[in-house]
């Protein structure tokens, strides 16, 4: 999904063999590369057990330790590797319910050196973020926010191959290829992603459709078929529009989950979207959210752990706003845009915004969308769409590369003007975008 080559300066010099063909030669080989092993879930008691092999590669400066995070409820019964001296555990974070696991190496690992870390943990997941997670008999949904597996806090670029054991009456899906059944499943992701996500339920309905080269599968629990079909139609319409504007998405298979979590957030991973939906809400009310999450199939290459994440979130946000303008008209677009102008007032600049600041979300979503509207007005809608298509086609993942592309598509003066906007905190009053 994203390259760490600029950050770690490591060239891909050989093919990583991790036993199960979890990918080939990578430009960036640093941090946690893969997870393999077995997961056992007991939804009725909220118990989870895991036996994992975590493959880690040292970054350019080498590594004398590795920091991972794990849910406070999961006790580690064993942790070892050939290079490991031992590990320490710190206090849990009150916000994430995850605690740090500091794995120390006997000798510092050389740049690119591999360590296979074997870890076993188990416990009852009583503390999981209800915003994006659930662990109960009717519905299991686990993502990084629950800390259900040991994860790196930043720079995640991983693959996985997991066997998942669960009660035979459950179905299972996730952000990877799923096979198996009758209580024993396999979840595999061979392409780089930032998370391991899975869902399970005793029963659900699924519908499938094809949009150009994209295969879409809708999964829903206790949602009327007519409602599922309306979501599918909306997904099809927005995906087709983005393909026309930006080119084909990198992903070929897309799973959209209508999660029965009561409220909470929606989120996306490559090939996977979880949309928080509580019947009897009408699908039209979630059109923008769905359009935003689908847009991430075109906008997800920038590092999500830094201020550069605005290249993911602001561009997905403004793509969804462009889709609303096309499908619902200028008035609907202006209404949503004015909301973002209000949220963006008195917020810090986008450039270098602190991810841990309270303003971060408003800056990269709302202020980012406002700045992109300004850019669209400066260059015109048609040239703006051409610029977006060029960014996707060239896999732009840094702001400097984006500015270079903007200069190539327009002029040095336009580049300087927009760079000043990224570094400016002054409020701005929205105007309707110029049509060509």
Protein backbone atom coordinates (compact mmCIF):
# COMPACT_ATOMS: atom_id res chain seq x y z
CA UNK A 1 0.00 0.00 0.00
CA UNK A 2 2.77 2.43 0.79
CA UNK A 3 6.54 2.40 0.52
CA UNK A 4 8.90 3.11 3.40
CA UNK A 5 11.90 3.31 1.10
CA UNK A 6 12.34 7.06 1.57
CA UNK A 7 12.20 6.70 5.33
CA UNK A 8 14.52 3.76 5.81
CA UNK A 9 16.70 3.85 2.72
CA UNK A 10 16.62 0.09 2.24
CA UNK A 11 16.70 -1.35 -1.23
CA UNK A 12 14.91 -4.58 -1.97
CA UNK A 13 17.75 -6.99 -2.66
CA UNK A 14 16.18 -10.38 -2.27
CA UNK A 15 12.90 -12.19 -2.14
CA UNK A 16 11.49 -12.72 1.32
CA UNK A 17 10.64 -16.36 1.87
CA UNK A 18 8.23 -16.67 4.75
CA UNK A 19 7.01 -20.16 4.07
CA UNK A 20 3.65 -19.42 2.60
CA UNK A 21 4.44 -16.99 -0.21
CA UNK A 22 3.17 -13.92 1.60
CA UNK A 23 4.52 -11.66 -1.11
CA UNK A 24 7.70 -11.12 -3.03
CA UNK A 25 10.49 -8.59 -3.25
CA UNK A 26 9.55 -5.34 -1.54
CA UNK A 27 11.05 -1.90 -1.90
CA UNK A 28 10.76 -1.32 1.83
CA UNK A 29 11.68 -4.11 4.22
CA UNK A 30 11.55 -2.66 7.69
CA UNK A 31 9.33 -3.13 10.70
CA UNK A 32 6.85 -5.96 11.09
CA UNK A 33 6.56 -7.66 7.71
CA UNK A 34 4.11 -10.48 8.39
CA UNK A 35 2.02 -12.47 10.85
CA UNK A 36 1.50 -16.21 10.61
CA UNK A 37 -0.21 -18.55 13.01
CA UNK A 38 -3.43 -19.61 14.65
CA UNK A 39 -6.26 -17.61 16.23
CA UNK A 40 -9.00 -19.19 18.37
CA UNK A 41 -12.17 -17.21 19.08
CA UNK A 42 -14.95 -18.00 21.58
CA UNK A 43 -17.56 -15.25 21.09
CA UNK A 44 -19.91 -16.56 23.78
CA UNK A 45 -17.26 -16.00 26.47
CA UNK A 46 -15.25 -13.24 24.72
CA UNK A 47 -12.13 -15.40 24.94
CA UNK A 48 -9.32 -15.22 22.43
CA UNK A 49 -6.10 -17.21 22.07
CA UNK A 50 -3.35 -16.63 19.54
CA UNK A 51 -0.10 -18.34 18.60
CA UNK A 52 1.77 -16.12 16.14
CA UNK A 53 5.07 -15.88 14.34
CA UNK A 54 5.83 -12.21 13.78
CA UNK A 55 8.49 -11.48 11.18
CA UNK A 56 10.41 -8.27 11.85
CA UNK A 57 13.11 -6.60 9.73
CA UNK A 58 15.44 -4.00 11.23
CA UNK A 59 15.36 -0.51 9.66
CA UNK A 60 18.31 1.33 8.13
CA UNK A 61 19.74 2.33 11.50
CA UNK A 62 19.46 -1.21 12.88
CA UNK A 63 17.41 -2.11 15.97
CA UNK A 64 18.20 -3.09 19.55
CA UNK A 65 14.51 -3.53 20.41
CA UNK A 66 11.02 -3.70 18.94
CA UNK A 67 7.97 -1.88 20.36
CA UNK A 68 4.61 -3.60 19.95
CA UNK A 69 1.22 -2.95 21.55
CA UNK A 70 -1.31 -5.52 22.78
CA UNK A 71 -4.70 -5.31 24.50
CA UNK A 72 -4.45 -5.14 28.28
CA UNK A 73 -6.70 -8.22 28.65
CA UNK A 74 -4.43 -10.57 26.68
CA UNK A 75 -1.74 -12.20 28.81
CA UNK A 76 1.47 -13.31 27.09
CA UNK A 77 2.27 -16.92 27.98
CA UNK A 78 5.42 -17.15 25.87
CA UNK A 79 7.59 -14.89 23.71
CA UNK A 80 10.85 -15.96 22.12
CA UNK A 81 13.16 -15.64 19.12
CA UNK A 82 16.77 -16.56 18.39
CA UNK A 83 17.82 -12.94 18.75
CA UNK A 84 15.61 -12.10 21.74
CA UNK A 85 17.02 -11.31 25.17
CA UNK A 86 13.59 -10.89 26.76
CA UNK A 87 10.69 -8.47 26.92
CA UNK A 88 9.13 -5.91 29.21
CA UNK A 89 5.54 -4.71 29.48
CA UNK A 90 4.41 -1.20 30.31
CA UNK A 91 1.14 0.23 31.64
CA UNK A 92 -1.90 0.25 29.37
CA UNK A 93 -2.90 3.42 27.57
CA UNK A 94 -6.23 4.64 28.96
CA UNK A 95 -7.41 5.72 25.52
CA UNK A 96 -6.49 2.60 23.51
CA UNK A 97 -6.59 -0.08 26.26
CA UNK A 98 -3.33 -1.39 24.79
CA UNK A 99 -0.04 -1.81 26.66
CA UNK A 100 3.49 -1.59 25.22
CA UNK A 101 5.48 -4.78 24.73
CA UNK A 102 9.20 -3.95 24.46
CA UNK A 103 11.14 -6.85 22.92
CA UNK A 104 14.89 -6.56 23.49
CA UNK A 105 17.51 -8.17 21.27
CA UNK A 106 20.73 -9.73 22.56
CA UNK A 107 22.71 -7.76 20.00
CA UNK A 108 21.45 -4.94 17.78
CA UNK A 109 20.04 -6.26 14.52
CA UNK A 110 21.84 -5.10 11.40
CA UNK A 111 19.88 -3.09 8.80
CA UNK A 112 17.47 -5.47 7.06
CA UNK A 113 18.24 -8.35 9.44
CA UNK A 114 15.23 -10.58 10.08
CA UNK A 115 13.91 -11.81 13.45
CA UNK A 116 11.07 -14.35 13.67
CA UNK A 117 9.32 -13.71 16.98
CA UNK A 118 7.10 -16.46 18.39
CA UNK A 119 4.36 -15.22 20.68
CA UNK A 120 1.44 -16.85 22.45
CA UNK A 121 -1.25 -14.87 24.27
CA UNK A 122 -4.76 -15.44 25.55
CA UNK A 123 -7.49 -13.79 27.58
CA UNK A 124 -10.97 -12.30 27.64
CA UNK A 125 -11.37 -9.22 25.45
CA UNK A 126 -13.52 -7.18 27.81
CA UNK A 127 -11.98 -3.85 26.81
CA UNK A 128 -12.40 -3.24 23.09
CA UNK A 129 -13.15 0.08 21.43
CA UNK A 130 -16.91 0.02 20.64
CA UNK A 131 -16.25 2.68 18.04
CA UNK A 132 -14.87 0.09 15.59
CA UNK A 133 -14.94 -3.25 17.44
CA UNK A 134 -17.26 -5.80 18.98
CA UNK A 135 -16.69 -9.19 20.59
CA UNK A 136 -20.01 -10.82 21.46
CA UNK A 137 -22.10 -13.81 20.41
CA UNK A 138 -24.19 -11.92 17.80
CA UNK A 139 -21.29 -10.03 16.21
CA UNK A 140 -17.50 -10.21 16.23
CA UNK A 141 -15.54 -7.36 14.65
CA UNK A 142 -11.86 -6.94 15.45
CA UNK A 143 -9.49 -4.31 14.10
CA UNK A 144 -6.29 -2.66 15.26
CA UNK A 145 -8.22 -0.33 17.59
CA UNK A 146 -8.94 -3.28 19.89
CA UNK A 147 -5.27 -4.31 20.10
CA UNK A 148 -6.33 -7.92 19.57
CA UNK A 149 -2.93 -8.79 18.06
CA UNK A 150 0.52 -7.31 18.78
CA UNK A 151 0.89 -4.32 16.44
CA UNK A 152 3.41 -1.62 15.65
CA UNK A 153 2.12 1.86 16.53
CA UNK A 154 3.46 3.37 13.30
CA UNK A 155 4.79 2.50 9.84
CA UNK A 156 2.63 -0.59 9.43
CA UNK A 157 3.12 -2.34 6.09
CA UNK A 158 2.31 -5.98 6.65
CA UNK A 159 0.93 -9.24 5.28
CA UNK A 160 -0.67 -12.17 7.09
CA UNK A 161 -1.65 -15.82 6.84
CA UNK A 162 -3.83 -16.96 9.73
CA UNK A 163 -5.84 -20.03 10.63
CA UNK A 164 -8.94 -18.95 12.57
CA UNK A 165 -10.85 -21.40 14.75
CA UNK A 166 -14.36 -20.42 15.85
CA UNK A 167 -17.65 -22.13 16.70
CA UNK A 168 -18.82 -24.12 13.63
CA UNK A 169 -22.04 -22.13 13.35
CA UNK A 170 -20.21 -18.89 12.50
CA UNK A 171 -19.33 -17.36 9.15
CA UNK A 172 -16.11 -15.37 8.83
CA UNK A 173 -14.72 -12.63 6.57
CA UNK A 174 -12.04 -9.94 6.75
CA UNK A 175 -9.55 -7.80 4.88
CA UNK A 176 -8.02 -10.78 3.12
CA UNK A 177 -8.91 -13.85 1.14
CA UNK A 178 -11.08 -16.23 3.16
CA UNK A 179 -11.36 -19.98 2.69
CA UNK A 180 -12.56 -22.92 4.76
CA UNK A 181 -15.65 -23.30 6.91
CA UNK A 182 -17.29 -25.43 9.62
CA UNK A 183 -15.31 -23.74 12.37
CA UNK A 184 -11.87 -23.68 10.69
CA UNK A 185 -11.03 -20.79 8.39
CA UNK A 186 -7.97 -19.35 6.71
CA UNK A 187 -7.51 -15.59 6.30
CA UNK A 188 -4.69 -14.54 3.94
CA UNK A 189 -3.49 -11.15 2.76
CA UNK A 190 -0.58 -11.22 0.29
CA UNK A 191 -0.66 -7.50 -0.49
CA UNK A 192 0.70 -4.90 1.91
CA UNK A 193 -1.87 -3.53 4.35
CA UNK A 194 -1.88 -1.68 7.67
CA UNK A 195 -4.11 -3.91 9.79
CA UNK A 196 -5.64 -7.34 10.34
CA UNK A 197 -9.44 -7.05 10.36
CA UNK A 198 -11.97 -9.82 10.73
CA UNK A 199 -15.70 -10.20 11.27
CA UNK A 200 -17.79 -13.21 12.30
CA UNK A 201 -21.47 -13.87 12.95
CA UNK A 202 -23.83 -16.87 13.15
CA UNK A 203 -25.57 -15.69 9.98
CA UNK A 204 -25.51 -12.90 7.45
CA UNK A 205 -26.71 -12.11 3.97
CA UNK A 206 -24.35 -11.41 1.10
CA UNK A 207 -24.82 -9.97 -2.36
CA UNK A 208 -22.28 -9.57 -5.13
CA UNK A 209 -21.91 -7.27 -8.11
CA UNK A 210 -19.23 -6.29 -10.58
CA UNK A 211 -18.28 -2.70 -11.45
CA UNK A 212 -15.90 -2.69 -14.40
CA UNK A 213 -12.88 -4.62 -13.06
CA UNK A 214 -13.99 -4.37 -9.40
CA UNK A 215 -15.84 -7.25 -7.73
CA UNK A 216 -17.97 -5.98 -4.81
CA UNK A 217 -19.37 -8.21 -2.07
CA UNK A 218 -21.88 -6.78 0.43
CA UNK A 219 -22.25 -8.43 3.86
CA UNK A 220 -25.06 -7.50 6.27
CA UNK A 221 -26.67 -8.84 9.43
CA UNK A 222 -30.44 -8.47 9.88
CA UNK A 223 -30.73 -5.90 7.10
CA UNK A 224 -33.62 -6.23 4.61
CA UNK A 225 -32.43 -7.38 1.17
CA UNK A 226 -33.88 -4.27 -0.47
CA UNK A 227 -31.71 -2.10 1.80
CA UNK A 228 -28.61 -4.15 1.05
CA UNK A 229 -29.35 -3.72 -2.64
CA UNK A 230 -29.57 0.06 -2.26
CA UNK A 231 -26.18 0.13 -0.57
CA UNK A 232 -24.81 -2.01 -3.38
CA UNK A 233 -26.20 0.37 -5.98
CA UNK A 234 -24.63 3.35 -4.20
CA UNK A 235 -21.30 1.56 -3.96
CA UNK A 236 -21.47 0.67 -7.64
CA UNK A 237 -22.28 4.24 -8.68
CA UNK A 238 -19.48 5.87 -6.69
CA UNK A 239 -16.89 3.23 -7.65
CA UNK A 240 -17.78 3.63 -11.34
CA UNK A 241 -17.47 7.42 -11.07
CA UNK A 242 -14.06 7.23 -9.37
CA UNK A 243 -12.85 4.80 -12.03
CA UNK A 244 -13.88 7.26 -14.74
CA UNK A 245 -12.14 10.14 -12.99
CA UNK A 246 -9.00 8.54 -11.59
CA UNK A 247 -8.53 5.24 -13.46
CA UNK A 248 -8.95 1.70 -12.23
CA UNK A 249 -8.46 1.01 -8.53
CA UNK A 250 -5.49 -1.11 -7.52
CA UNK A 251 -7.79 -3.52 -5.67
CA UNK A 252 -9.86 -5.99 -7.70
CA UNK A 253 -12.00 -7.43 -4.91
CA UNK A 254 -13.91 -5.31 -2.41
CA UNK A 255 -15.83 -6.46 0.66
CA UNK A 256 -18.27 -3.94 2.16
CA UNK A 257 -19.58 -4.82 5.61
CA UNK A 258 -22.74 -3.23 7.00
CA UNK A 259 -21.60 -3.53 10.59
CA UNK A 260 -24.39 -3.82 13.20
CA UNK A 261 -22.35 -1.86 15.73
CA UNK A 262 -24.59 0.72 17.39
CA UNK A 263 -23.04 3.91 16.08
CA UNK A 264 -19.30 4.18 15.90
CA UNK A 265 -16.99 4.91 12.99
CA UNK A 266 -16.65 3.52 9.51
CA UNK A 267 -13.21 2.64 8.16
CA UNK A 268 -11.50 1.13 5.14
CA UNK A 269 -8.50 -1.03 4.33
CA UNK A 270 -7.32 -2.16 0.88
CA UNK A 271 -10.14 -4.36 -0.40
CA UNK A 272 -12.31 -3.91 2.69
CA UNK A 273 -14.78 -1.36 4.10
CA UNK A 274 -16.66 -1.52 7.40
CA UNK A 275 -19.65 0.81 7.38
CA UNK A 276 -21.35 1.43 10.73
CA UNK A 277 -25.06 0.94 10.03
CA UNK A 278 -27.92 0.67 12.51
CA UNK A 279 -31.32 -0.18 10.99
CA UNK A 280 -33.77 1.29 10.28
CA UNK A 281 -31.56 4.19 9.12
CA UNK A 282 -31.93 4.90 5.42
CA UNK A 283 -28.92 4.18 3.19
CA UNK A 284 -29.10 7.67 1.68
CA UNK A 285 -27.99 9.11 5.01
CA UNK A 286 -24.74 7.16 4.75
CA UNK A 287 -24.06 7.94 1.10
CA UNK A 288 -21.28 10.39 1.86
CA UNK A 289 -19.59 8.04 4.36
CA UNK A 290 -19.70 5.18 1.88
CA UNK A 291 -18.36 7.41 -0.90
CA UNK A 292 -15.51 8.57 1.35
CA UNK A 293 -14.49 5.05 2.35
CA UNK A 294 -14.64 3.79 -1.23
CA UNK A 295 -12.46 6.70 -2.32
CA UNK A 296 -9.66 5.25 -0.20
CA UNK A 297 -9.21 2.59 -2.86
CA UNK A 298 -7.64 5.40 -4.85
CA UNK A 299 -6.25 7.45 -1.93
CA UNK A 300 -4.33 5.30 0.55
CA UNK A 301 -0.65 5.43 -0.40
CA UNK A 302 0.63 8.11 1.96
CA UNK A 303 1.90 7.16 5.45
CA UNK A 304 -1.07 7.22 7.81
CA UNK A 305 1.01 7.80 10.95
CA UNK A 306 2.14 11.35 10.09
CA UNK A 307 0.74 14.64 8.84
CA UNK A 308 1.19 13.28 5.30
CA UNK A 309 -2.01 11.34 6.00
CA UNK A 310 -3.84 14.39 4.65
CA UNK A 311 -3.01 12.97 1.20
CA UNK A 312 -5.23 10.00 2.10
CA UNK A 313 -8.01 11.61 4.10
CA UNK A 314 -8.42 15.02 2.48
CA UNK A 315 -8.36 13.53 -1.02
CA UNK A 316 -10.87 10.82 -0.07
CA UNK A 317 -13.04 13.47 1.58
CA UNK A 318 -12.97 15.79 -1.40
CA UNK A 319 -13.48 12.93 -3.87
CA UNK A 320 -16.66 12.06 -1.98
CA UNK A 321 -17.73 15.70 -2.11
CA UNK A 322 -17.11 15.74 -5.85
CA UNK A 323 -19.27 12.62 -6.17
CA UNK A 324 -22.07 14.30 -4.17
CA UNK A 325 -21.85 17.30 -6.51
CA UNK A 326 -22.17 14.99 -9.52
CA UNK A 327 -24.95 12.79 -8.13
CA UNK A 328 -26.98 15.23 -6.01
CA UNK A 329 -26.17 18.64 -7.42
CA UNK A 330 -24.40 21.86 -6.53
CA UNK A 331 -26.68 22.74 -3.60
CA UNK A 332 -25.93 19.48 -1.77
CA UNK A 333 -22.22 19.95 -2.43
CA UNK A 334 -22.24 23.54 -1.14
CA UNK A 335 -24.10 22.54 2.03
CA UNK A 336 -21.54 19.85 2.90
CA UNK A 337 -18.66 22.11 1.92
CA UNK A 338 -19.83 24.94 4.16
CA UNK A 339 -19.88 22.52 7.11
CA UNK A 340 -16.23 21.80 6.48
CA UNK A 341 -15.38 25.49 6.17
CA UNK A 342 -16.87 26.01 9.64
CA UNK A 343 -14.93 23.08 11.10
CA UNK A 344 -11.71 24.35 9.54
CA UNK A 345 -11.88 27.80 11.17
CA UNK A 346 -9.07 28.65 13.59
CA UNK A 347 -7.35 25.31 12.99
CA UNK A 348 -3.59 24.86 12.57
CA UNK A 349 -1.99 24.57 9.14
CA UNK A 350 -2.05 21.22 7.38
CA UNK A 351 1.72 21.33 6.91
CA UNK A 352 3.33 19.46 9.81
CA UNK A 353 0.15 19.12 11.91
CA UNK A 354 0.74 17.01 15.02
CA UNK A 355 -1.07 13.68 14.73
CA UNK A 356 -1.58 13.59 18.50
CA UNK A 357 -3.18 17.03 18.65
CA UNK A 358 -6.90 17.48 19.23
CA UNK A 359 -7.11 19.45 16.00
CA UNK A 360 -5.64 16.69 13.82
CA UNK A 361 -8.90 15.21 12.49
CA UNK A 362 -10.42 18.61 11.67
CA UNK A 363 -7.23 19.65 9.91
CA UNK A 364 -6.70 16.65 7.64
CA UNK A 365 -10.42 16.10 6.86
CA UNK A 366 -12.17 19.47 6.94
CA UNK A 367 -9.32 21.88 6.28
CA UNK A 368 -7.84 19.49 3.75
CA UNK A 369 -11.11 19.44 1.81
CA UNK A 370 -11.31 23.24 1.95
CA UNK A 371 -7.79 23.58 0.55
CA UNK A 372 -8.57 21.16 -2.28
CA UNK A 373 -11.69 23.14 -3.16
CA UNK A 374 -9.50 26.24 -3.31
CA UNK A 375 -7.07 24.44 -5.60
CA UNK A 376 -9.93 23.28 -7.83
CA UNK A 377 -11.14 26.85 -8.10
CA UNK A 378 -7.64 28.07 -8.93
CA UNK A 379 -7.01 25.59 -11.76
CA UNK A 380 -10.58 24.72 -12.85
CA UNK A 381 -12.52 21.48 -12.46
CA UNK A 382 -11.25 19.72 -15.57
CA UNK A 383 -7.57 20.38 -14.90
CA UNK A 384 -8.11 19.48 -11.26
CA UNK A 385 -9.53 16.05 -12.22
CA UNK A 386 -6.59 15.53 -14.57
CA UNK A 387 -4.23 16.33 -11.70
CA UNK A 388 -5.96 13.80 -9.43
CA UNK A 389 -5.75 11.13 -12.12
CA UNK A 390 -2.03 11.84 -12.52
CA UNK A 391 -1.48 11.54 -8.75
CA UNK A 392 -3.16 8.13 -8.70
CA UNK A 393 -1.38 6.95 -11.84
CA UNK A 394 2.03 7.93 -10.45
CA UNK A 395 1.44 6.55 -6.95
CA UNK A 396 2.14 9.87 -5.22
CA UNK A 397 2.61 9.38 -1.47
CA UNK A 398 4.35 12.52 -0.17
CA UNK A 399 3.38 16.18 -0.17
CA UNK A 400 6.61 17.16 -1.92
CA UNK A 401 5.85 14.72 -4.75
CA UNK A 402 2.31 16.07 -4.90
CA UNK A 403 3.64 19.63 -5.24
CA UNK A 404 6.06 18.49 -7.93
CA UNK A 405 3.15 16.97 -9.84
CA UNK A 406 1.06 20.10 -9.35
CA UNK A 407 3.88 22.18 -10.82
CA UNK A 408 4.22 19.80 -13.78
CA UNK A 409 0.47 19.96 -14.44
CA UNK A 410 0.18 23.74 -13.96
CA UNK A 411 3.07 26.12 -13.17
CA UNK A 412 5.71 26.95 -10.55
CA UNK A 413 3.54 29.88 -9.44
CA UNK A 414 0.59 27.55 -8.76
CA UNK A 415 2.81 25.28 -6.76
CA UNK A 416 4.02 28.17 -4.58
CA UNK A 417 0.48 29.48 -4.07
CA UNK A 418 -0.83 26.12 -2.91
CA UNK A 419 2.17 25.39 -0.72
CA UNK A 420 1.48 28.68 1.05
CA UNK A 421 -2.12 27.54 1.62
CA UNK A 422 -0.91 24.29 3.18
CA UNK A 423 1.21 26.33 5.60
CA UNK A 424 -1.50 28.94 6.29
CA UNK A 425 -3.98 28.79 9.18
CA UNK A 426 -6.15 31.72 8.13
CA UNK A 427 -9.89 31.08 7.64
CA UNK A 428 -11.38 31.11 4.18
CA UNK A 429 -14.86 31.69 2.83
CA UNK A 430 -16.09 29.09 0.33
CA UNK A 431 -17.12 29.98 -3.20
CA UNK A 432 -18.74 27.67 -5.70
CA UNK A 433 -16.20 25.85 -7.87
CA UNK A 434 -15.67 27.23 -11.34
CA UNK A 435 -17.10 25.04 -14.10
CA UNK A 436 -15.44 24.67 -17.47
